[in-house]
Structure formats: structure tokens, C-alpha cells
Amino acid sequence: MRASGAVLRAVVAIVHEKRLVLMAASLAYFAFVSLVPLLLLVVIGLSAFRDGQVALDVATYAASVISPRSGGVLIEVVTGAADRGSATILGIVVLLWGTLLLFRALDDAFGQVYGEQQDSLLLGDLADALLVFFVVVGAIIAMLGLGVAFSVVLQERVWGLLGPVVLLIVLSGVFLPMFYLFPDADVSLAQALPGTVFTAAGWTILQVIYGFYARTTGAGELYGAAGAFLLLLAWLYIGGLVLLIGAVVNAVLADHVAVEGDLPSLEYL
């Protein structure tokens, strides 16, 4: 087990060496492309099995999470489609395209971190991507459902305290299969846990800060939908970078990666 200072320096060196800051930008873009069709399909699916008010509640809650002040624009996008059949087909196509690119980018990023790149997407990699995709989608649907249910049953102050805890638990369940399956190296569940906890905690803190900033600064009101979407892109970018750093943490702690050259000093950090 490395000392904490050595781990920190190794993580910083690998993030710089592998140019993960740039990779996080591609993850943010592909995630952004997948968000609207995913929410659209959730709303259409709920509308088919439940009354329209449930679907609207989910859309409203999701929009408030994504953009507390300008979420109405997103609600109009996902609920204002005149032809739900065409919207469903288009949403599926865009979602599959964006998701495939997202998980391909994730696979490439993990390959960079662990030093085991593949030139093509193999059948096993596709199965792993599909498995993680269904885990992520299921967790998002569950998180939105819990959010709607708890926000109705509990007071806003109580949910404000319990929400981050619930989000931390849900995100840990989302990220664990990803950190366990995506590396081409042999990784145990125990070795996947540090990066999982780091990423889940980072995303939880990021969501709390993002929600507070969006509610208090009025960025959405000042700049409209453009400001809200830019804020969302920034959130996705930082979240993608945190996820990649989590992968680096796992690789460093499990000695799956070696730093080329000298480690940066703590004064450099």
C-alpha cells in the first residue's frame, strides 16, 4: 500500500500524462447528447403505463435537477412532441448513438489509464457496455422515481438532508460495475471500490454545489436556456473528469499502471 502522498502524486502525474482533462470533454459531450432522448423515452414510457401527470412529475423533477432555474425549456422539449411515435424512434436512435459513443470513449479512456488499448470493439466489450448501460439507465430511473416520491412525502428540508445520502448510495451502485468491468486488466471488486467511492462522493458533492449555484446565482434567468445548458455541460465535464480520476485511483492503488518519468513534488500540487 502506497503512502497517501505518493498516491496523490502518481494520480496527478497519470492524469497529466494521459491527457485525461481532454478525454473528459468528449465524455461530457456524448453524455449531453444522450440526456434529452433518455428523459424523453422515460416520459413516453411512463405515459404509456401511467397517467400523464406521473410522467410530467418525473420530467419536472429531472429538469429541476439538471437545471433548477431553466428546466422549463427541457420540459417543453420532452413533453411537447406532437408525434410521440416518431419522437420515440428518434429518441431511441439518438440515445443508442450517443450511448455507443459514450461507452466507446469510456473504454478508450480506461484503456489509456490501464495501458491496454484495443483497436476495435470486441463482443465482450459490447456486452460489458450493454450491461453497464442498463445498470446506469435503471439507476437513473430509480433515482428519479425516488426523488419524485420522497419530494412528495417528505418536507423539502428533510429531503435536502437525505437526498445527498440517497444519491451517494445510488451512484455507488451505478459506478461499481463500470469500474469492475471496463478495465481490461484483472480487477477484483475490492480493487474497484476506492475509485467507486471517490467518484460517487465527488458526483454527490458536485450535484450539491451545482444545485446551490443554479438556485442562488440566477444564471439561468440571466442567460436563458443557453446559460442553463452551458452550466450543465460544465457539470458533465467536471463529472467526467472525476470519473476518470477515480479510474486512475484504482489503477494506482492496485499497481496496474506505472508513471513514466519522475513523480511531481507535493509543492507542485
Foldseek 3Di string as FASTA:
>chain_A
DDDPQVLVLQLVLLCVVLVVLVLLLQLLVLVLQQPLLLLLLQLVVCVVVHPNVVSLLLQLLVLCLLFVPQSVVSSCVSPVDPDSVVSNVVSVVSNVVSLVSNLVSVLQLLCSLLVNDDPDQDPLSVVLSVVLVVLVSVLVSVLSVVVSVCPVVDPPVVCVVCVLVVQLVSQLSSCQSVLCRSHPDHDDSVLSNQLSNQLSNVLSVLSVVLSVCSVPVVQCVVPPPVSSVVSSSVSSSVSSSSSSSSSNSSCVVVVSDDRPDDGDHPVVD
